[in-house]
Amino acid sequence: MTNEERLKIFSDNLNAKISASGKQQKDIAAALDIPVQSMNNWCKGKAMPRWKTLQDLADYFECPVTDFVYSNEEMSISFQIEREMRRMDDANLKVLLSYAKFINEGRNKDG
């Protein structure tokens, strides 16, 4: 993957997070003490933040860093499951784990 493709993935993901938050670039930049021009360059796919700032963005949006740096196609099922598990309460997590156990037991019987 080229650097330009990686920048595009990051900017697409960042723009999606910003849009979903209902906030503006300048609001997020101010909250994270980031220059507005830097935020604008990231959103346009001209640059990427350093690791510390990338982690700050992830913390701000309450998501893993991988939500910014991987395309949907690159996200493995384990990343997706991990992300969804963090969003679940204990009751829903127990239901999911029970279902996974049920599926696994069915595979073992068929195999």
PDB file of N, CA and C in Angstrom:
ATOM      1  N   MET A   1       0.848  -1.173   0.000  1.00  0.00           N
ATOM      2  CA  MET A   1       0.000   0.000   0.000  1.00  0.00           C
ATOM      3  C   MET A   1       0.899   1.243   0.000  1.00  0.00           C
ATOM      4  N   THR A   2       0.548   2.198  -0.821  1.00  0.00           N
ATOM      5  CA  THR A   2       1.350   3.405  -0.915  1.00  0.00           C
ATOM      6  C   THR A   2       1.052   4.356   0.243  1.00  0.00           C
ATOM      7  N   ASN A   3       1.945   5.304   0.426  1.00  0.00           N
ATOM      8  CA  ASN A   3       1.753   6.313   1.463  1.00  0.00           C
ATOM      9  C   ASN A   3       0.484   7.131   1.181  1.00  0.00           C
ATOM     10  N   GLU A   4       0.245   7.437  -0.077  1.00  0.00           N
ATOM     11  CA  GLU A   4      -0.951   8.198  -0.443  1.00  0.00           C
ATOM     12  C   GLU A   4      -2.227   7.421  -0.109  1.00  0.00           C
ATOM     13  N   GLU A   5      -2.208   6.130  -0.353  1.00  0.00           N
ATOM     14  CA  GLU A   5      -3.377   5.298  -0.019  1.00  0.00           C
ATOM     15  C   GLU A   5      -3.594   5.260   1.490  1.00  0.00           C
ATOM     16  N   ARG A   6      -2.504   5.159   2.243  1.00  0.00           N
ATOM     17  CA  ARG A   6      -2.596   5.138   3.704  1.00  0.00           C
ATOM     18  C   ARG A   6      -3.139   6.478   4.223  1.00  0.00           C
ATOM     19  N   LEU A   7      -2.676   7.584   3.648  1.00  0.00           N
ATOM     20  CA  LEU A   7      -3.182   8.906   4.038  1.00  0.00           C
ATOM     21  C   LEU A   7      -4.672   9.029   3.733  1.00  0.00           C
ATOM     22  N   LYS A   8      -5.097   8.484   2.605  1.00  0.00           N
ATOM     23  CA  LYS A   8      -6.521   8.540   2.223  1.00  0.00           C
ATOM     24  C   LYS A   8      -7.365   7.754   3.213  1.00  0.00           C
ATOM     25  N   ILE A   9      -6.909   6.579   3.586  1.00  0.00           N
ATOM     26  CA  ILE A   9      -7.639   5.763   4.567  1.00  0.00           C
ATOM     27  C   ILE A   9      -7.768   6.527   5.883  1.00  0.00           C
ATOM     28  N   PHE A  10      -6.650   7.097   6.341  1.00  0.00           N
ATOM     29  CA  PHE A  10      -6.695   7.841   7.595  1.00  0.00           C
ATOM     30  C   PHE A  10      -7.661   9.014   7.498  1.00  0.00           C
ATOM     31  N   SER A  11      -7.562   9.802   6.432  1.00  0.00           N
ATOM     32  CA  SER A  11      -8.428  10.983   6.314  1.00  0.00           C
ATOM     33  C   SER A  11      -9.892  10.581   6.201  1.00  0.00           C
ATOM     34  N   ASP A  12     -10.189   9.522   5.452  1.00  0.00           N
ATOM     35  CA  ASP A  12     -11.582   9.048   5.351  1.00  0.00           C
ATOM     36  C   ASP A  12     -12.115   8.644   6.722  1.00  0.00           C
ATOM     37  N   ASN A  13     -11.307   7.900   7.466  1.00  0.00           N
ATOM     38  CA  ASN A  13     -11.736   7.441   8.789  1.00  0.00           C
ATOM     39  C   ASN A  13     -11.888   8.605   9.769  1.00  0.00           C
ATOM     40  N   LEU A  14     -10.947   9.543   9.736  1.00  0.00           N
ATOM     41  CA  LEU A  14     -11.029  10.705  10.617  1.00  0.00           C
ATOM     42  C   LEU A  14     -12.262  11.544  10.279  1.00  0.00           C
ATOM     43  N   ASN A  15     -12.479  11.794   9.000  1.00  0.00           N
ATOM     44  CA  ASN A  15     -13.655  12.565   8.594  1.00  0.00           C
ATOM     45  C   ASN A  15     -14.954  11.885   9.002  1.00  0.00           C
ATOM     46  N   ALA A  16     -14.994  10.560   8.920  1.00  0.00           N
ATOM     47  CA  ALA A  16     -16.194   9.823   9.341  1.00  0.00           C
ATOM     48  C   ALA A  16     -16.426   9.991  10.840  1.00  0.00           C
ATOM     49  N   LYS A  17     -15.357   9.923  11.627  1.00  0.00           N
ATOM     50  CA  LYS A  17     -15.482  10.106  13.084  1.00  0.00           C
ATOM     51  C   LYS A  17     -15.963  11.516  13.412  1.00  0.00           C
ATOM     52  N   ILE A  18     -15.394  12.494  12.735  1.00  0.00           N
ATOM     53  CA  ILE A  18     -15.790  13.884  12.979  1.00  0.00           C
ATOM     54  C   ILE A  18     -17.253  14.082  12.617  1.00  0.00           C
ATOM     55  N   SER A  19     -17.647  13.574  11.466  1.00  0.00           N
ATOM     56  CA  SER A  19     -19.035  13.715  11.023  1.00  0.00           C
ATOM     57  C   SER A  19     -19.998  13.051  12.000  1.00  0.00           C
ATOM     58  N   ALA A  20     -19.655  11.852  12.440  1.00  0.00           N
ATOM     59  CA  ALA A  20     -20.519  11.122  13.381  1.00  0.00           C
ATOM     60  C   ALA A  20     -20.623  11.839  14.726  1.00  0.00           C
ATOM     61  N   SER A  21     -19.583  12.578  15.085  1.00  0.00           N
ATOM     62  CA  SER A  21     -19.590  13.275  16.379  1.00  0.00           C
ATOM     63  C   SER A  21     -20.467  14.522  16.358  1.00  0.00           C
ATOM     64  N   GLY A  22     -20.743  15.042  15.162  1.00  0.00           N
ATOM     65  CA  GLY A  22     -21.522  16.264  15.053  1.00  0.00           C
ATOM     66  C   GLY A  22     -20.729  17.518  15.386  1.00  0.00           C
ATOM     67  N   LYS A  23     -19.427  17.362  15.552  1.00  0.00           N
ATOM     68  CA  LYS A  23     -18.569  18.506  15.889  1.00  0.00           C
ATOM     69  C   LYS A  23     -17.818  18.973  14.650  1.00  0.00           C
ATOM     70  N   GLN A  24     -17.164  20.081  14.778  1.00  0.00           N
ATOM     71  CA  GLN A  24     -16.353  20.618  13.692  1.00  0.00           C
ATOM     72  C   GLN A  24     -14.880  20.374  13.990  1.00  0.00           C
ATOM     73  N   GLN A  25     -14.090  20.400  12.918  1.00  0.00           N
ATOM     74  CA  GLN A  25     -12.650  20.201  13.068  1.00  0.00           C
ATOM     75  C   GLN A  25     -12.067  21.137  14.126  1.00  0.00           C
ATOM     76  N   LYS A  26     -12.461  22.396  14.085  1.00  0.00           N
ATOM     77  CA  LYS A  26     -11.880  23.385  15.007  1.00  0.00           C
ATOM     78  C   LYS A  26     -12.205  23.065  16.460  1.00  0.00           C
ATOM     79  N   ASP A  27     -13.391  22.488  16.717  1.00  0.00           N
ATOM     80  CA  ASP A  27     -13.761  22.122  18.085  1.00  0.00           C
ATOM     81  C   ASP A  27     -12.878  20.997  18.615  1.00  0.00           C
ATOM     82  N   ILE A  28     -12.651  20.012  17.761  1.00  0.00           N
ATOM     83  CA  ILE A  28     -11.830  18.862  18.157  1.00  0.00           C
ATOM     84  C   ILE A  28     -10.374  19.297  18.316  1.00  0.00           C
ATOM     85  N   ALA A  29      -9.908  20.125  17.399  1.00  0.00           N
ATOM     86  CA  ALA A  29      -8.539  20.645  17.493  1.00  0.00           C
ATOM     87  C   ALA A  29      -8.349  21.405  18.800  1.00  0.00           C
ATOM     88  N   ALA A  30      -9.313  22.223  19.154  1.00  0.00           N
ATOM     89  CA  ALA A  30      -9.211  22.989  20.401  1.00  0.00           C
ATOM     90  C   ALA A  30      -9.215  22.064  21.612  1.00  0.00           C
ATOM     91  N   ALA A  31     -10.078  21.060  21.600  1.00  0.00           N
ATOM     92  CA  ALA A  31     -10.168  20.129  22.725  1.00  0.00           C
ATOM     93  C   ALA A  31      -8.868  19.348  22.924  1.00  0.00           C
ATOM     94  N   LEU A  32      -8.165  19.084  21.836  1.00  0.00           N
ATOM     95  CA  LEU A  32      -6.929  18.309  21.909  1.00  0.00           C
ATOM     96  C   LEU A  32      -5.674  19.178  21.857  1.00  0.00           C
ATOM     97  N   ASP A  33      -5.868  20.486  21.832  1.00  0.00           N
ATOM     98  CA  ASP A  33      -4.757  21.435  21.757  1.00  0.00           C
ATOM     99  C   ASP A  33      -3.876  21.154  20.537  1.00  0.00           C
ATOM    100  N   ILE A  34      -4.539  21.020  19.398  1.00  0.00           N
ATOM    101  CA  ILE A  34      -3.886  20.745  18.118  1.00  0.00           C
ATOM    102  C   ILE A  34      -4.118  21.959  17.223  1.00  0.00           C
ATOM    103  N   PRO A  35      -3.125  22.383  16.460  1.00  0.00           N
ATOM    104  CA  PRO A  35      -3.372  23.475  15.517  1.00  0.00           C
ATOM    105  C   PRO A  35      -4.485  23.099  14.516  1.00  0.00           C
ATOM    106  N   VAL A  36      -5.368  24.036  14.262  1.00  0.00           N
ATOM    107  CA  VAL A  36      -6.477  23.791  13.330  1.00  0.00           C
ATOM    108  C   VAL A  36      -5.938  23.411  11.958  1.00  0.00           C
ATOM    109  N   GLN A  37      -4.846  24.016  11.540  1.00  0.00           N
ATOM    110  CA  GLN A  37      -4.257  23.709  10.233  1.00  0.00           C
ATOM    111  C   GLN A  37      -3.799  22.251  10.165  1.00  0.00           C
ATOM    112  N   SER A  38      -3.267  21.728  11.258  1.00  0.00           N
ATOM    113  CA  SER A  38      -2.865  20.310  11.285  1.00  0.00           C
ATOM    114  C   SER A  38      -4.080  19.420  11.107  1.00  0.00           C
ATOM    115  N   MET A  39      -5.145  19.705  11.844  1.00  0.00           N
ATOM    116  CA  MET A  39      -6.383  18.927  11.722  1.00  0.00           C
ATOM    117  C   MET A  39      -6.903  18.989  10.290  1.00  0.00           C
ATOM    118  N   ASN A  40      -6.863  20.175   9.705  1.00  0.00           N
ATOM    119  CA  ASN A  40      -7.330  20.345   8.338  1.00  0.00           C
ATOM    120  C   ASN A  40      -6.486  19.527   7.356  1.00  0.00           C
ATOM    121  N   ASN A  41      -5.169  19.521   7.543  1.00  0.00           N
ATOM    122  CA  ASN A  41      -4.289  18.727   6.673  1.00  0.00           C
ATOM    123  C   ASN A  41      -4.572  17.236   6.807  1.00  0.00           C
ATOM    124  N   TRP A  42      -4.848  16.780   8.032  1.00  0.00           N
ATOM    125  CA  TRP A  42      -5.167  15.363   8.230  1.00  0.00           C
ATOM    126  C   TRP A  42      -6.474  15.018   7.527  1.00  0.00           C
ATOM    127  N   CYS A  43      -7.457  15.891   7.662  1.00  0.00           N
ATOM    128  CA  CYS A  43      -8.772  15.638   7.048  1.00  0.00           C
ATOM    129  C   CYS A  43      -8.710  15.664   5.529  1.00  0.00           C
ATOM    130  N   LYS A  44      -7.760  16.397   4.977  1.00  0.00           N
ATOM    131  CA  LYS A  44      -7.594  16.462   3.523  1.00  0.00           C
ATOM    132  C   LYS A  44      -6.671  15.367   3.001  1.00  0.00           C
ATOM    133  N   GLY A  45      -6.099  14.573   3.890  1.00  0.00           N
ATOM    134  CA  GLY A  45      -5.201  13.503   3.468  1.00  0.00           C
ATOM    135  C   GLY A  45      -3.830  13.987   3.060  1.00  0.00           C
ATOM    136  N   LYS A  46      -3.429  15.132   3.584  1.00  0.00           N
ATOM    137  CA  LYS A  46      -2.113  15.682   3.259  1.00  0.00           C
ATOM    138  C   LYS A  46      -1.031  15.236   4.236  1.00  0.00           C
ATOM    139  N   ALA A  47      -1.437  14.803   5.423  1.00  0.00           N
ATOM    140  CA  ALA A  47      -0.478  14.404   6.465  1.00  0.00           C
ATOM    141  C   ALA A  47      -1.185  13.499   7.463  1.00  0.00           C
ATOM    142  N   MET A  48      -0.378  12.865   8.308  1.00  0.00           N
ATOM    143  CA  MET A  48      -0.896  12.054   9.414  1.00  0.00           C
ATOM    144  C   MET A  48      -0.258  12.542  10.702  1.00  0.00           C
ATOM    145  N   PRO A  49      -0.980  12.415  11.797  1.00  0.00           N
ATOM    146  CA  PRO A  49      -0.392  12.834  13.074  1.00  0.00           C
ATOM    147  C   PRO A  49       0.658  11.847  13.562  1.00  0.00           C
ATOM    148  N   ARG A  50       1.449  12.295  14.504  1.00  0.00           N
ATOM    149  CA  ARG A  50       2.398  11.406  15.173  1.00  0.00           C
ATOM    150  C   ARG A  50       1.619  10.440  16.069  1.00  0.00           C
ATOM    151  N   TRP A  51       2.303   9.396  16.501  1.00  0.00           N
ATOM    152  CA  TRP A  51       1.653   8.336  17.276  1.00  0.00           C
ATOM    153  C   TRP A  51       0.912   8.872  18.497  1.00  0.00           C
ATOM    154  N   LYS A  52       1.536   9.738  19.283  1.00  0.00           N
ATOM    155  CA  LYS A  52       0.914  10.275  20.501  1.00  0.00           C
ATOM    156  C   LYS A  52      -0.384  10.990  20.173  1.00  0.00           C
ATOM    157  N   THR A  53      -0.374  11.786  19.125  1.00  0.00           N
ATOM    158  CA  THR A  53      -1.570  12.522  18.730  1.00  0.00           C
ATOM    159  C   THR A  53      -2.625  11.573  18.177  1.00  0.00           C
ATOM    160  N   LEU A  54      -2.192  10.557  17.469  1.00  0.00           N
ATOM    161  CA  LEU A  54      -3.131   9.548  16.976  1.00  0.00           C
ATOM    162  C   LEU A  54      -3.831   8.863  18.143  1.00  0.00           C
ATOM    163  N   GLN A  55      -3.076   8.554  19.193  1.00  0.00           N
ATOM    164  CA  GLN A  55      -3.683   7.955  20.389  1.00  0.00           C
ATOM    165  C   GLN A  55      -4.621   8.950  21.069  1.00  0.00           C
ATOM    166  N   ASP A  56      -4.257  10.226  21.090  1.00  0.00           N
ATOM    167  CA  ASP A  56      -5.132  11.252  21.661  1.00  0.00           C
ATOM    168  C   ASP A  56      -6.457  11.329  20.887  1.00  0.00           C
ATOM    169  N   LEU A  57      -6.384  11.233  19.567  1.00  0.00           N
ATOM    170  CA  LEU A  57      -7.605  11.222  18.752  1.00  0.00           C
ATOM    171  C   LEU A  57      -8.467  10.005  19.085  1.00  0.00           C
ATOM    172  N   ALA A  58      -7.826   8.859  19.202  1.00  0.00           N
ATOM    173  CA  ALA A  58      -8.557   7.633  19.544  1.00  0.00           C
ATOM    174  C   ALA A  58      -9.218   7.760  20.910  1.00  0.00           C
ATOM    175  N   ASP A  59      -8.505   8.318  21.867  1.00  0.00           N
ATOM    176  CA  ASP A  59      -9.073   8.533  23.198  1.00  0.00           C
ATOM    177  C   ASP A  59     -10.257   9.508  23.130  1.00  0.00           C
ATOM    178  N   TYR A  60     -10.099  10.557  22.361  1.00  0.00           N
ATOM    179  CA  TYR A  60     -11.153  11.553  22.229  1.00  0.00           C
ATOM    180  C   TYR A  60     -12.437  10.927  21.663  1.00  0.00           C
ATOM    181  N   PHE A  61     -12.280  10.108  20.613  1.00  0.00           N
ATOM    182  CA  PHE A  61     -13.431   9.485  19.970  1.00  0.00           C
ATOM    183  C   PHE A  61     -13.833   8.159  20.623  1.00  0.00           C
ATOM    184  N   GLU A  62     -13.104   7.789  21.684  1.00  0.00           N
ATOM    185  CA  GLU A  62     -13.369   6.548  22.425  1.00  0.00           C
ATOM    186  C   GLU A  62     -13.409   5.339  21.489  1.00  0.00           C
ATOM    187  N   CYS A  63     -12.314   5.184  20.757  1.00  0.00           N
ATOM    188  CA  CYS A  63     -12.192   4.067  19.821  1.00  0.00           C
ATOM    189  C   CYS A  63     -10.729   3.633  19.785  1.00  0.00           C
ATOM    190  N   PRO A  64     -10.460   2.455  19.254  1.00  0.00           N
ATOM    191  CA  PRO A  64      -9.060   2.034  19.127  1.00  0.00           C
ATOM    192  C   PRO A  64      -8.371   2.781  17.977  1.00  0.00           C
ATOM    193  N   VAL A  65      -7.076   2.895  18.045  1.00  0.00           N
ATOM    194  CA  VAL A  65      -6.287   3.542  16.995  1.00  0.00           C
ATOM    195  C   VAL A  65      -6.539   2.867  15.644  1.00  0.00           C
ATOM    196  N   THR A  66      -6.779   1.573  15.662  1.00  0.00           N
ATOM    197  CA  THR A  66      -7.001   0.841  14.410  1.00  0.00           C
ATOM    198  C   THR A  66      -8.177   1.386  13.620  1.00  0.00           C
ATOM    199  N   ASP A  67      -9.138   2.029  14.288  1.00  0.00           N
ATOM    200  CA  ASP A  67     -10.266   2.631  13.569  1.00  0.00           C
ATOM    201  C   ASP A  67      -9.815   3.741  12.634  1.00  0.00           C
ATOM    202  N   PHE A  68      -8.650   4.299  12.866  1.00  0.00           N
ATOM    203  CA  PHE A  68      -8.135   5.368  12.021  1.00  0.00           C
ATOM    204  C   PHE A  68      -7.197   4.868  10.933  1.00  0.00           C
ATOM    205  N   VAL A  69      -6.421   3.852  11.218  1.00  0.00           N
ATOM    206  CA  VAL A  69      -5.331   3.487  10.314  1.00  0.00           C
ATOM    207  C   VAL A  69      -5.623   2.327   9.373  1.00  0.00           C
ATOM    208  N   TYR A  70      -6.726   1.616   9.586  1.00  0.00           N
ATOM    209  CA  TYR A  70      -7.074   0.505   8.707  1.00  0.00           C
ATOM    210  C   TYR A  70      -8.360   0.796   7.961  1.00  0.00           C
ATOM    211  N   SER A  71      -8.419   0.367   6.712  1.00  0.00           N
ATOM    212  CA  SER A  71      -9.661   0.445   5.955  1.00  0.00           C
ATOM    213  C   SER A  71     -10.589  -0.651   6.453  1.00  0.00           C
ATOM    214  N   ASN A  72     -11.842  -0.558   6.088  1.00  0.00           N
ATOM    215  CA  ASN A  72     -12.794  -1.593   6.486  1.00  0.00           C
ATOM    216  C   ASN A  72     -12.356  -2.959   5.975  1.00  0.00           C
ATOM    217  N   GLU A  73     -11.795  -2.988   4.786  1.00  0.00           N
ATOM    218  CA  GLU A  73     -11.341  -4.261   4.217  1.00  0.00           C
ATOM    219  C   GLU A  73     -10.173  -4.848   4.998  1.00  0.00           C
ATOM    220  N   GLU A  74      -9.354  -3.979   5.566  1.00  0.00           N
ATOM    221  CA  GLU A  74      -8.181  -4.440   6.313  1.00  0.00           C
ATOM    222  C   GLU A  74      -8.526  -4.916   7.719  1.00  0.00           C
ATOM    223  N   MET A  75      -9.623  -4.434   8.226  1.00  0.00           N
ATOM    224  CA  MET A  75      -9.995  -4.795   9.593  1.00  0.00           C
ATOM    225  C   MET A  75     -10.319  -6.287   9.637  1.00  0.00           C
ATOM    226  N   SER A  76      -9.583  -7.003  10.432  1.00  0.00           N
ATOM    227  CA  SER A  76      -9.856  -8.429  10.558  1.00  0.00           C
ATOM    228  C   SER A  76     -11.069  -8.627  11.452  1.00  0.00           C
ATOM    229  N   ILE A  77     -11.626  -9.788  11.402  1.00  0.00           N
ATOM    230  CA  ILE A  77     -12.788 -10.095  12.224  1.00  0.00           C
ATOM    231  C   ILE A  77     -12.468  -9.944  13.707  1.00  0.00           C
ATOM    232  N   SER A  78     -11.247 -10.237  14.096  1.00  0.00           N
ATOM    233  CA  SER A  78     -10.899 -10.104  15.517  1.00  0.00           C
ATOM    234  C   SER A  78     -10.933  -8.651  15.963  1.00  0.00           C
ATOM    235  N   PHE A  79     -10.472  -7.722  15.112  1.00  0.00           N
ATOM    236  CA  PHE A  79     -10.567  -6.309  15.449  1.00  0.00           C
ATOM    237  C   PHE A  79     -12.019  -5.896  15.606  1.00  0.00           C
ATOM    238  N   GLN A  80     -12.861  -6.349  14.681  1.00  0.00           N
ATOM    239  CA  GLN A  80     -14.268  -5.978  14.721  1.00  0.00           C
ATOM    240  C   GLN A  80     -14.948  -6.534  15.964  1.00  0.00           C
ATOM    241  N   ILE A  81     -14.648  -7.775  16.304  1.00  0.00           N
ATOM    242  CA  ILE A  81     -15.237  -8.383  17.499  1.00  0.00           C
ATOM    243  C   ILE A  81     -14.760  -7.647  18.747  1.00  0.00           C
ATOM    244  N   GLU A  82     -13.466  -7.375  18.810  1.00  0.00           N
ATOM    245  CA  GLU A  82     -12.923  -6.668  19.978  1.00  0.00           C
ATOM    246  C   GLU A  82     -13.593  -5.307  20.144  1.00  0.00           C
ATOM    247  N   ARG A  83     -13.745  -4.592  19.053  1.00  0.00           N
ATOM    248  CA  ARG A  83     -14.370  -3.272  19.111  1.00  0.00           C
ATOM    249  C   ARG A  83     -15.822  -3.373  19.582  1.00  0.00           C
ATOM    250  N   GLU A  84     -16.562  -4.340  19.060  1.00  0.00           N
ATOM    251  CA  GLU A  84     -17.965  -4.499  19.456  1.00  0.00           C
ATOM    252  C   GLU A  84     -18.089  -4.959  20.903  1.00  0.00           C
ATOM    253  N   MET A  85     -17.173  -5.812  21.348  1.00  0.00           N
ATOM    254  CA  MET A  85     -17.233  -6.294  22.728  1.00  0.00           C
ATOM    255  C   MET A  85     -17.070  -5.153  23.717  1.00  0.00           C
ATOM    256  N   ARG A  86     -16.240  -4.158  23.369  1.00  0.00           N
ATOM    257  CA  ARG A  86     -16.050  -3.009  24.259  1.00  0.00           C
ATOM    258  C   ARG A  86     -17.317  -2.173  24.387  1.00  0.00           C
ATOM    259  N   ARG A  87     -18.170  -2.254  23.396  1.00  0.00           N
ATOM    260  CA  ARG A  87     -19.403  -1.469  23.405  1.00  0.00           C
ATOM    261  C   ARG A  87     -20.546  -2.169  24.137  1.00  0.00           C
ATOM    262  N   MET A  88     -20.393  -3.447  24.404  1.00  0.00           N
ATOM    263  CA  MET A  88     -21.477  -4.230  24.984  1.00  0.00           C
ATOM    264  C   MET A  88     -21.469  -4.176  26.496  1.00  0.00           C
ATOM    265  N   ASP A  89     -22.662  -4.254  27.047  1.00  0.00           N
ATOM    266  CA  ASP A  89     -22.756  -4.415  28.491  1.00  0.00           C
ATOM    267  C   ASP A  89     -22.584  -5.903  28.811  1.00  0.00           C
ATOM    268  N   ASP A  90     -22.478  -6.237  30.079  1.00  0.00           N
ATOM    269  CA  ASP A  90     -22.209  -7.624  30.480  1.00  0.00           C
ATOM    270  C   ASP A  90     -23.283  -8.594  30.004  1.00  0.00           C
ATOM    271  N   ALA A  91     -24.541  -8.199  30.059  1.00  0.00           N
ATOM    272  CA  ALA A  91     -25.632  -9.096  29.649  1.00  0.00           C
ATOM    273  C   ALA A  91     -25.526  -9.443  28.167  1.00  0.00           C
ATOM    274  N   ASN A  92     -25.301  -8.445  27.327  1.00  0.00           N
ATOM    275  CA  ASN A  92     -25.177  -8.698  25.892  1.00  0.00           C
ATOM    276  C   ASN A  92     -23.919  -9.479  25.563  1.00  0.00           C
ATOM    277  N   LEU A  93     -22.859  -9.233  26.304  1.00  0.00           N
ATOM    278  CA  LEU A  93     -21.626  -9.973  26.090  1.00  0.00           C
ATOM    279  C   LEU A  93     -21.827 -11.448  26.416  1.00  0.00           C
ATOM    280  N   LYS A  94     -22.559 -11.743  27.483  1.00  0.00           N
ATOM    281  CA  LYS A  94     -22.848 -13.142  27.833  1.00  0.00           C
ATOM    282  C   LYS A  94     -23.670 -13.819  26.744  1.00  0.00           C
ATOM    283  N   VAL A  95     -24.622 -13.105  26.177  1.00  0.00           N
ATOM    284  CA  VAL A  95     -25.431 -13.661  25.085  1.00  0.00           C
ATOM    285  C   VAL A  95     -24.538 -13.979  23.887  1.00  0.00           C
ATOM    286  N   LEU A  96     -23.666 -13.042  23.536  1.00  0.00           N
ATOM    287  CA  LEU A  96     -22.759 -13.254  22.408  1.00  0.00           C
ATOM    288  C   LEU A  96     -21.854 -14.458  22.646  1.00  0.00           C
ATOM    289  N   LEU A  97     -21.277 -14.559  23.835  1.00  0.00           N
ATOM    290  CA  LEU A  97     -20.382 -15.673  24.142  1.00  0.00           C
ATOM    291  C   LEU A  97     -21.125 -17.003  24.152  1.00  0.00           C
ATOM    292  N   SER A  98     -22.358 -17.007  24.630  1.00  0.00           N
ATOM    293  CA  SER A  98     -23.168 -18.229  24.606  1.00  0.00           C
ATOM    294  C   SER A  98     -23.452 -18.651  23.177  1.00  0.00           C
ATOM    295  N   TYR A  99     -23.756 -17.676  22.329  1.00  0.00           N
ATOM    296  CA  TYR A  99     -24.019 -17.978  20.922  1.00  0.00           C
ATOM    297  C   TYR A  99     -22.767 -18.516  20.244  1.00  0.00           C
ATOM    298  N   ALA A 100     -21.613 -17.914  20.532  1.00  0.00           N
ATOM    299  CA  ALA A 100     -20.360 -18.384  19.960  1.00  0.00           C
ATOM    300  C   ALA A 100     -20.067 -19.820  20.405  1.00  0.00           C
ATOM    301  N   LYS A 101     -20.338 -20.118  21.670  1.00  0.00           N
ATOM    302  CA  LYS A 101     -20.135 -21.470  22.182  1.00  0.00           C
ATOM    303  C   LYS A 101     -21.073 -22.451  21.473  1.00  0.00           C
ATOM    304  N   PHE A 102     -22.310 -22.047  21.284  1.00  0.00           N
ATOM    305  CA  PHE A 102     -23.294 -22.877  20.583  1.00  0.00           C
ATOM    306  C   PHE A 102     -22.831 -23.171  19.151  1.00  0.00           C
ATOM    307  N   ILE A 103     -22.362 -22.155  18.456  1.00  0.00           N
ATOM    308  CA  ILE A 103     -21.872 -22.317  17.083  1.00  0.00           C
ATOM    309  C   ILE A 103     -20.679 -23.264  17.063  1.00  0.00           C
ATOM    310  N   ASN A 104     -19.752 -23.058  17.981  1.00  0.00           N
ATOM    311  CA  ASN A 104     -18.546 -23.874  18.045  1.00  0.00           C
ATOM    312  C   ASN A 104     -18.888 -25.333  18.326  1.00  0.00           C
ATOM    313  N   GLU A 105     -19.826 -25.575  19.246  1.00  0.00           N
ATOM    314  CA  GLU A 105     -20.227 -26.946  19.561  1.00  0.00           C
ATOM    315  C   GLU A 105     -20.874 -27.612  18.344  1.00  0.00           C
ATOM    316  N   GLY A 106     -21.656 -26.857  17.593  1.00  0.00           N
ATOM    317  CA  GLY A 106     -22.274 -27.385  16.374  1.00  0.00           C
ATOM    318  C   GLY A 106     -21.240 -27.779  15.334  1.00  0.00           C
ATOM    319  N   ARG A 107     -20.196 -26.986  15.212  1.00  0.00           N
ATOM    320  CA  ARG A 107     -19.124 -27.300  14.264  1.00  0.00           C
ATOM    321  C   ARG A 107     -18.401 -28.565  14.683  1.00  0.00           C
ATOM    322  N   ASN A 108     -18.169 -28.731  15.994  1.00  0.00           N
ATOM    323  CA  ASN A 108     -17.464 -29.909  16.473  1.00  0.00           C
ATOM    324  C   ASN A 108     -18.279 -31.176  16.241  1.00  0.00           C
ATOM    325  N   LYS A 109     -19.603 -31.098  16.360  1.00  0.00           N
ATOM    326  CA  LYS A 109     -20.457 -32.265  16.125  1.00  0.00           C
ATOM    327  C   LYS A 109     -20.489 -32.643  14.644  1.00  0.00           C
ATOM    328  N   ASP A 110     -20.502 -31.608  13.774  1.00  0.00           N
ATOM    329  CA  ASP A 110     -20.581 -31.847  12.331  1.00  0.00           C
ATOM    330  C   ASP A 110     -19.257 -32.319  11.746  1.00  0.00           C
ATOM    331  N   GLY A 111     -18.157 -31.883  12.371  1.00  0.00           N
ATOM    332  CA  GLY A 111     -16.822 -32.148  11.822  1.00  0.00           C
ATOM    333  C   GLY A 111     -16.358 -33.487  12.142  1.00  0.00           C
TER     334      GLY A 111
END
